[in-house]
Amino acid sequence: IIVLTTFDGDEDIFRAIQAGAKGYLLKDVPREALMDAIRRVHAGETCVPVHLAAKLAERVSGETLSPREIDVLKLMAQGKSNKEIGAALFISEGTVKSHVKAIFAKMNVISRTEAVASATRRGLIQL
């Protein structure tokens, strides 16, 4: 199976590989590269372009966010304050702060804006 898509987030790539894909290419791939990928996958090889493999490696090597941290991150992306996030998720503001701190540490970022931008690039959330 070769996935031909416009989505290049590491979460998308990871899910495709987990589901059994042996190739993952973006739709703008040159025809020659697509033909090469088909031949390689048919021969039993895996075919993921270097820049996409690097995204996947970054995801695998980094700590993964918990489902609750993803929930907090999605609300951060909507511009919600810690108090608003707590109310939406039925948790205390202190717990929200703990989640935000964990998100920053796991993503190696120093601001909410950087966390949201990184999560969007990595395909963890969509705006």
N, C-alpha and C. Protein backbone atom coordinates (compact mmCIF):
# COMPACT_ATOMS: atom_id res chain seq x y z
N ILE A 1 0.85 -1.18 0.00
CA ILE A 1 0.00 0.00 0.00
C ILE A 1 0.89 1.24 0.00
N ILE A 2 0.60 2.16 -0.89
CA ILE A 2 1.27 3.46 -0.94
C ILE A 2 0.20 4.53 -0.72
N VAL A 3 0.43 5.38 0.25
CA VAL A 3 -0.48 6.49 0.51
C VAL A 3 -0.01 7.68 -0.32
N LEU A 4 -0.91 8.24 -1.11
CA LEU A 4 -0.63 9.42 -1.92
C LEU A 4 -1.57 10.51 -1.43
N THR A 5 -1.02 11.53 -0.79
CA THR A 5 -1.85 12.49 -0.06
C THR A 5 -1.27 13.90 -0.09
N THR A 6 -2.03 14.83 0.43
CA THR A 6 -1.55 16.20 0.60
C THR A 6 -1.14 16.46 2.05
N PHE A 7 -1.41 15.51 2.94
CA PHE A 7 -1.14 15.68 4.36
C PHE A 7 0.27 15.22 4.71
N ASP A 8 1.07 16.14 5.30
CA ASP A 8 2.44 15.78 5.63
C ASP A 8 2.74 15.87 7.12
N GLY A 9 1.71 15.89 7.94
CA GLY A 9 1.92 15.92 9.39
C GLY A 9 2.45 14.59 9.88
N ASP A 10 3.31 14.62 10.90
CA ASP A 10 3.90 13.38 11.38
C ASP A 10 2.85 12.42 11.92
N GLU A 11 1.76 12.92 12.45
CA GLU A 11 0.70 12.04 12.95
C GLU A 11 0.04 11.31 11.79
N ASP A 12 -0.17 11.99 10.67
CA ASP A 12 -0.75 11.35 9.48
C ASP A 12 0.16 10.25 8.96
N ILE A 13 1.45 10.55 8.88
CA ILE A 13 2.42 9.57 8.40
C ILE A 13 2.45 8.37 9.34
N PHE A 14 2.50 8.64 10.63
CA PHE A 14 2.57 7.59 11.64
C PHE A 14 1.36 6.66 11.55
N ARG A 15 0.17 7.25 11.44
CA ARG A 15 -1.05 6.43 11.35
C ARG A 15 -1.05 5.57 10.08
N ALA A 16 -0.60 6.14 8.98
CA ALA A 16 -0.56 5.37 7.73
C ALA A 16 0.39 4.19 7.83
N ILE A 17 1.56 4.42 8.39
CA ILE A 17 2.55 3.35 8.55
C ILE A 17 2.01 2.29 9.51
N GLN A 18 1.39 2.73 10.61
CA GLN A 18 0.79 1.79 11.56
C GLN A 18 -0.29 0.94 10.90
N ALA A 19 -1.01 1.53 9.96
CA ALA A 19 -2.09 0.83 9.28
C ALA A 19 -1.58 -0.12 8.19
N GLY A 20 -0.27 -0.11 7.95
CA GLY A 20 0.29 -1.06 7.00
C GLY A 20 0.82 -0.48 5.71
N ALA A 21 0.79 0.83 5.56
CA ALA A 21 1.32 1.44 4.34
C ALA A 21 2.82 1.21 4.26
N LYS A 22 3.30 0.90 3.08
CA LYS A 22 4.73 0.71 2.85
C LYS A 22 5.35 1.89 2.13
N GLY A 23 4.50 2.80 1.68
CA GLY A 23 4.96 4.01 1.03
C GLY A 23 4.06 5.17 1.42
N TYR A 24 4.65 6.35 1.50
CA TYR A 24 3.89 7.55 1.85
C TYR A 24 4.46 8.70 1.04
N LEU A 25 3.67 9.19 0.09
CA LEU A 25 4.14 10.24 -0.81
C LEU A 25 3.13 11.38 -0.87
N LEU A 26 3.64 12.57 -1.09
CA LEU A 26 2.77 13.72 -1.27
C LEU A 26 2.34 13.79 -2.74
N LYS A 27 1.15 14.34 -2.96
CA LYS A 27 0.58 14.37 -4.31
C LYS A 27 1.42 15.14 -5.32
N ASP A 28 2.29 16.02 -4.86
CA ASP A 28 3.10 16.79 -5.80
C ASP A 28 4.40 16.08 -6.18
N VAL A 29 4.50 14.80 -5.83
CA VAL A 29 5.70 14.03 -6.13
C VAL A 29 5.85 13.91 -7.66
N PRO A 30 7.07 14.05 -8.17
CA PRO A 30 7.28 13.88 -9.62
C PRO A 30 6.90 12.46 -10.06
N ARG A 31 6.48 12.35 -11.30
CA ARG A 31 6.03 11.07 -11.84
C ARG A 31 7.10 9.98 -11.69
N GLU A 32 8.36 10.35 -11.96
CA GLU A 32 9.45 9.37 -11.88
C GLU A 32 9.59 8.84 -10.45
N ALA A 33 9.46 9.73 -9.48
CA ALA A 33 9.57 9.31 -8.07
C ALA A 33 8.41 8.40 -7.69
N LEU A 34 7.22 8.68 -8.21
CA LEU A 34 6.06 7.82 -7.94
C LEU A 34 6.28 6.44 -8.53
N MET A 35 6.74 6.39 -9.75
CA MET A 35 7.00 5.09 -10.40
C MET A 35 8.08 4.32 -9.64
N ASP A 36 9.12 5.02 -9.21
CA ASP A 36 10.18 4.39 -8.42
C ASP A 36 9.62 3.83 -7.11
N ALA A 37 8.75 4.59 -6.47
CA ALA A 37 8.15 4.15 -5.21
C ALA A 37 7.32 2.89 -5.42
N ILE A 38 6.56 2.86 -6.50
CA ILE A 38 5.75 1.67 -6.80
C ILE A 38 6.64 0.45 -6.98
N ARG A 39 7.72 0.61 -7.73
CA ARG A 39 8.66 -0.51 -7.94
C ARG A 39 9.29 -0.96 -6.63
N ARG A 40 9.71 0.01 -5.81
CA ARG A 40 10.37 -0.33 -4.54
C ARG A 40 9.42 -1.03 -3.58
N VAL A 41 8.21 -0.53 -3.47
CA VAL A 41 7.24 -1.17 -2.57
C VAL A 41 6.88 -2.56 -3.08
N HIS A 42 6.75 -2.69 -4.39
CA HIS A 42 6.47 -4.01 -4.98
C HIS A 42 7.60 -4.99 -4.67
N ALA A 43 8.82 -4.47 -4.57
CA ALA A 43 9.99 -5.31 -4.27
C ALA A 43 10.13 -5.57 -2.77
N GLY A 44 9.21 -5.04 -1.97
CA GLY A 44 9.25 -5.30 -0.53
C GLY A 44 9.89 -4.22 0.30
N GLU A 45 10.31 -3.14 -0.32
CA GLU A 45 10.94 -2.04 0.41
C GLU A 45 9.89 -1.07 0.93
N THR A 46 10.32 -0.22 1.84
CA THR A 46 9.48 0.87 2.33
C THR A 46 9.95 2.14 1.64
N CYS A 47 9.00 3.00 1.27
CA CYS A 47 9.36 4.21 0.54
C CYS A 47 8.69 5.43 1.17
N VAL A 48 9.49 6.18 1.91
CA VAL A 48 9.04 7.43 2.52
C VAL A 48 10.13 8.46 2.23
N PRO A 49 9.80 9.59 1.59
CA PRO A 49 10.82 10.60 1.31
C PRO A 49 11.56 11.03 2.57
N VAL A 50 12.80 11.41 2.41
CA VAL A 50 13.67 11.75 3.54
C VAL A 50 13.05 12.81 4.45
N HIS A 51 12.49 13.88 3.87
CA HIS A 51 11.95 14.95 4.71
C HIS A 51 10.73 14.48 5.51
N LEU A 52 9.96 13.53 4.97
CA LEU A 52 8.82 12.99 5.72
C LEU A 52 9.30 11.98 6.76
N ALA A 53 10.32 11.21 6.42
CA ALA A 53 10.89 10.27 7.38
C ALA A 53 11.47 11.01 8.58
N ALA A 54 12.05 12.18 8.33
CA ALA A 54 12.60 12.99 9.43
C ALA A 54 11.49 13.44 10.37
N LYS A 55 10.35 13.83 9.81
CA LYS A 55 9.20 14.21 10.65
C LYS A 55 8.75 13.03 11.49
N LEU A 56 8.69 11.87 10.87
CA LEU A 56 8.27 10.66 11.57
C LEU A 56 9.26 10.31 12.67
N ALA A 57 10.53 10.42 12.39
CA ALA A 57 11.56 10.12 13.39
C ALA A 57 11.47 11.09 14.55
N GLU A 58 11.20 12.35 14.26
CA GLU A 58 11.06 13.36 15.32
C GLU A 58 9.89 13.00 16.22
N ARG A 59 8.81 12.55 15.62
CA ARG A 59 7.62 12.19 16.40
C ARG A 59 7.90 10.98 17.28
N VAL A 60 8.52 9.98 16.70
CA VAL A 60 8.79 8.74 17.43
C VAL A 60 9.80 8.98 18.55
N SER A 61 10.80 9.82 18.29
CA SER A 61 11.84 10.04 19.29
C SER A 61 11.37 10.96 20.42
N GLY A 62 10.43 11.82 20.13
CA GLY A 62 9.94 12.74 21.16
C GLY A 62 8.90 12.07 22.04
N GLU A 63 8.67 12.66 23.19
CA GLU A 63 7.63 12.14 24.06
C GLU A 63 6.28 12.47 23.45
N THR A 64 5.35 11.54 23.56
CA THR A 64 4.03 11.78 23.00
C THR A 64 3.14 12.46 24.03
N LEU A 65 2.24 13.27 23.55
CA LEU A 65 1.30 13.95 24.42
C LEU A 65 0.15 13.02 24.77
N SER A 66 -0.33 13.15 25.98
CA SER A 66 -1.48 12.35 26.42
C SER A 66 -2.74 12.89 25.74
N PRO A 67 -3.80 12.09 25.71
CA PRO A 67 -5.06 12.60 25.14
C PRO A 67 -5.53 13.88 25.82
N ARG A 68 -5.37 13.98 27.13
CA ARG A 68 -5.79 15.18 27.86
C ARG A 68 -4.92 16.38 27.47
N GLU A 69 -3.63 16.15 27.27
CA GLU A 69 -2.74 17.23 26.83
C GLU A 69 -3.13 17.72 25.44
N ILE A 70 -3.54 16.80 24.58
CA ILE A 70 -4.02 17.18 23.25
C ILE A 70 -5.28 18.04 23.38
N ASP A 71 -6.19 17.65 24.29
CA ASP A 71 -7.40 18.45 24.53
C ASP A 71 -7.03 19.86 24.96
N VAL A 72 -6.09 19.97 25.89
CA VAL A 72 -5.65 21.29 26.38
C VAL A 72 -5.03 22.07 25.23
N LEU A 73 -4.20 21.42 24.43
CA LEU A 73 -3.54 22.07 23.30
C LEU A 73 -4.56 22.60 22.28
N LYS A 74 -5.60 21.83 22.01
CA LYS A 74 -6.64 22.27 21.07
C LYS A 74 -7.32 23.54 21.58
N LEU A 75 -7.59 23.58 22.87
CA LEU A 75 -8.22 24.77 23.45
C LEU A 75 -7.25 25.95 23.48
N MET A 76 -5.97 25.67 23.70
CA MET A 76 -4.96 26.73 23.62
C MET A 76 -4.96 27.33 22.22
N ALA A 77 -5.11 26.48 21.21
CA ALA A 77 -5.11 26.93 19.82
C ALA A 77 -6.30 27.85 19.54
N GLN A 78 -7.36 27.70 20.32
CA GLN A 78 -8.54 28.56 20.17
C GLN A 78 -8.39 29.86 20.96
N GLY A 79 -7.24 30.03 21.62
CA GLY A 79 -6.98 31.25 22.36
C GLY A 79 -7.58 31.28 23.75
N LYS A 80 -7.97 30.13 24.26
CA LYS A 80 -8.59 30.05 25.59
C LYS A 80 -7.55 30.26 26.68
N SER A 81 -7.98 30.89 27.77
CA SER A 81 -7.13 31.07 28.94
C SER A 81 -7.12 29.78 29.76
N ASN A 82 -6.21 29.69 30.72
CA ASN A 82 -6.18 28.51 31.58
C ASN A 82 -7.52 28.32 32.29
N LYS A 83 -8.10 29.41 32.74
CA LYS A 83 -9.39 29.34 33.43
C LYS A 83 -10.48 28.80 32.50
N GLU A 84 -10.50 29.30 31.27
CA GLU A 84 -11.50 28.84 30.28
C GLU A 84 -11.28 27.37 29.91
N ILE A 85 -10.02 26.97 29.78
CA ILE A 85 -9.70 25.57 29.47
C ILE A 85 -10.17 24.68 30.61
N GLY A 86 -9.88 25.09 31.83
CA GLY A 86 -10.32 24.32 33.00
C GLY A 86 -11.83 24.15 33.02
N ALA A 87 -12.56 25.22 32.76
CA ALA A 87 -14.02 25.15 32.76
C ALA A 87 -14.53 24.22 31.66
N ALA A 88 -13.91 24.29 30.49
CA ALA A 88 -14.34 23.46 29.36
C ALA A 88 -14.07 21.98 29.60
N LEU A 89 -12.98 21.68 30.31
CA LEU A 89 -12.59 20.28 30.53
C LEU A 89 -12.95 19.77 31.93
N PHE A 90 -13.59 20.64 32.73
CA PHE A 90 -13.99 20.28 34.09
C PHE A 90 -12.81 19.88 34.96
N ILE A 91 -11.73 20.67 34.85
CA ILE A 91 -10.55 20.47 35.68
C ILE A 91 -10.15 21.82 36.27
N SER A 92 -9.33 21.79 37.30
CA SER A 92 -8.93 23.04 37.95
C SER A 92 -7.92 23.80 37.09
N GLU A 93 -7.82 25.08 37.37
CA GLU A 93 -6.85 25.92 36.67
C GLU A 93 -5.43 25.43 36.95
N GLY A 94 -5.18 24.95 38.16
CA GLY A 94 -3.87 24.40 38.51
C GLY A 94 -3.53 23.17 37.69
N THR A 95 -4.54 22.33 37.45
CA THR A 95 -4.32 21.14 36.62
C THR A 95 -4.03 21.55 35.18
N VAL A 96 -4.72 22.56 34.70
CA VAL A 96 -4.45 23.07 33.35
C VAL A 96 -3.00 23.55 33.27
N LYS A 97 -2.55 24.29 34.27
CA LYS A 97 -1.16 24.78 34.29
C LYS A 97 -0.18 23.62 34.25
N SER A 98 -0.49 22.54 34.96
CA SER A 98 0.38 21.36 34.95
C SER A 98 0.43 20.74 33.55
N HIS A 99 -0.72 20.67 32.91
CA HIS A 99 -0.76 20.12 31.55
C HIS A 99 0.02 21.01 30.58
N VAL A 100 -0.14 22.32 30.71
CA VAL A 100 0.58 23.26 29.83
C VAL A 100 2.09 23.10 30.03
N LYS A 101 2.51 22.99 31.27
CA LYS A 101 3.93 22.81 31.57
C LYS A 101 4.45 21.51 30.94
N ALA A 102 3.66 20.43 31.05
CA ALA A 102 4.06 19.14 30.46
C ALA A 102 4.12 19.24 28.94
N ILE A 103 3.16 19.93 28.35
CA ILE A 103 3.15 20.11 26.89
C ILE A 103 4.41 20.84 26.45
N PHE A 104 4.75 21.93 27.14
CA PHE A 104 5.95 22.69 26.80
C PHE A 104 7.20 21.81 26.88
N ALA A 105 7.30 21.02 27.94
CA ALA A 105 8.47 20.16 28.13
C ALA A 105 8.56 19.10 27.04
N LYS A 106 7.44 18.43 26.77
CA LYS A 106 7.44 17.35 25.78
C LYS A 106 7.70 17.87 24.37
N MET A 107 7.21 19.07 24.08
CA MET A 107 7.37 19.62 22.73
C MET A 107 8.61 20.49 22.60
N ASN A 108 9.30 20.70 23.72
CA ASN A 108 10.50 21.53 23.73
C ASN A 108 10.22 22.93 23.19
N VAL A 109 9.18 23.56 23.76
CA VAL A 109 8.80 24.92 23.37
C VAL A 109 8.73 25.80 24.62
N ILE A 110 8.65 27.12 24.41
CA ILE A 110 8.63 28.02 25.56
C ILE A 110 7.41 28.93 25.61
N SER A 111 6.51 28.79 24.64
CA SER A 111 5.31 29.64 24.66
C SER A 111 4.11 28.88 24.10
N ARG A 112 2.94 29.39 24.42
CA ARG A 112 1.71 28.79 23.92
C ARG A 112 1.66 28.88 22.39
N THR A 113 2.08 30.01 21.86
CA THR A 113 2.08 30.20 20.41
C THR A 113 2.99 29.19 19.73
N GLU A 114 4.17 29.00 20.29
CA GLU A 114 5.12 28.04 19.73
C GLU A 114 4.57 26.61 19.82
N ALA A 115 3.91 26.29 20.92
CA ALA A 115 3.32 24.96 21.10
C ALA A 115 2.25 24.70 20.04
N VAL A 116 1.38 25.68 19.83
CA VAL A 116 0.31 25.53 18.83
C VAL A 116 0.90 25.42 17.43
N ALA A 117 1.88 26.26 17.11
CA ALA A 117 2.50 26.22 15.79
C ALA A 117 3.18 24.88 15.54
N SER A 118 3.91 24.39 16.53
CA SER A 118 4.60 23.11 16.41
C SER A 118 3.60 21.97 16.27
N ALA A 119 2.55 22.00 17.07
CA ALA A 119 1.53 20.94 17.01
C ALA A 119 0.83 20.93 15.66
N THR A 120 0.61 22.10 15.11
CA THR A 120 -0.03 22.20 13.79
C THR A 120 0.89 21.64 12.71
N ARG A 121 2.16 22.01 12.76
CA ARG A 121 3.15 21.50 11.79
C ARG A 121 3.25 19.98 11.87
N ARG A 122 3.21 19.45 13.08
CA ARG A 122 3.36 18.01 13.28
C ARG A 122 2.07 17.23 13.03
N GLY A 123 0.99 17.94 12.79
CA GLY A 123 -0.27 17.27 12.51
C GLY A 123 -1.00 16.79 13.75
N LEU A 124 -0.59 17.27 14.92
CA LEU A 124 -1.25 16.85 16.16
C LEU A 124 -2.61 17.52 16.33
N ILE A 125 -2.73 18.74 15.82
CA ILE A 125 -4.00 19.46 15.85
C ILE A 125 -4.19 20.14 14.51
N GLN A 126 -5.43 20.49 14.23
CA GLN A 126 -5.74 21.25 13.01
C GLN A 126 -6.46 22.51 13.41
N LEU A 127 -6.10 23.61 12.78
CA LEU A 127 -6.75 24.89 13.08
C LEU A 127 -7.97 25.08 12.21
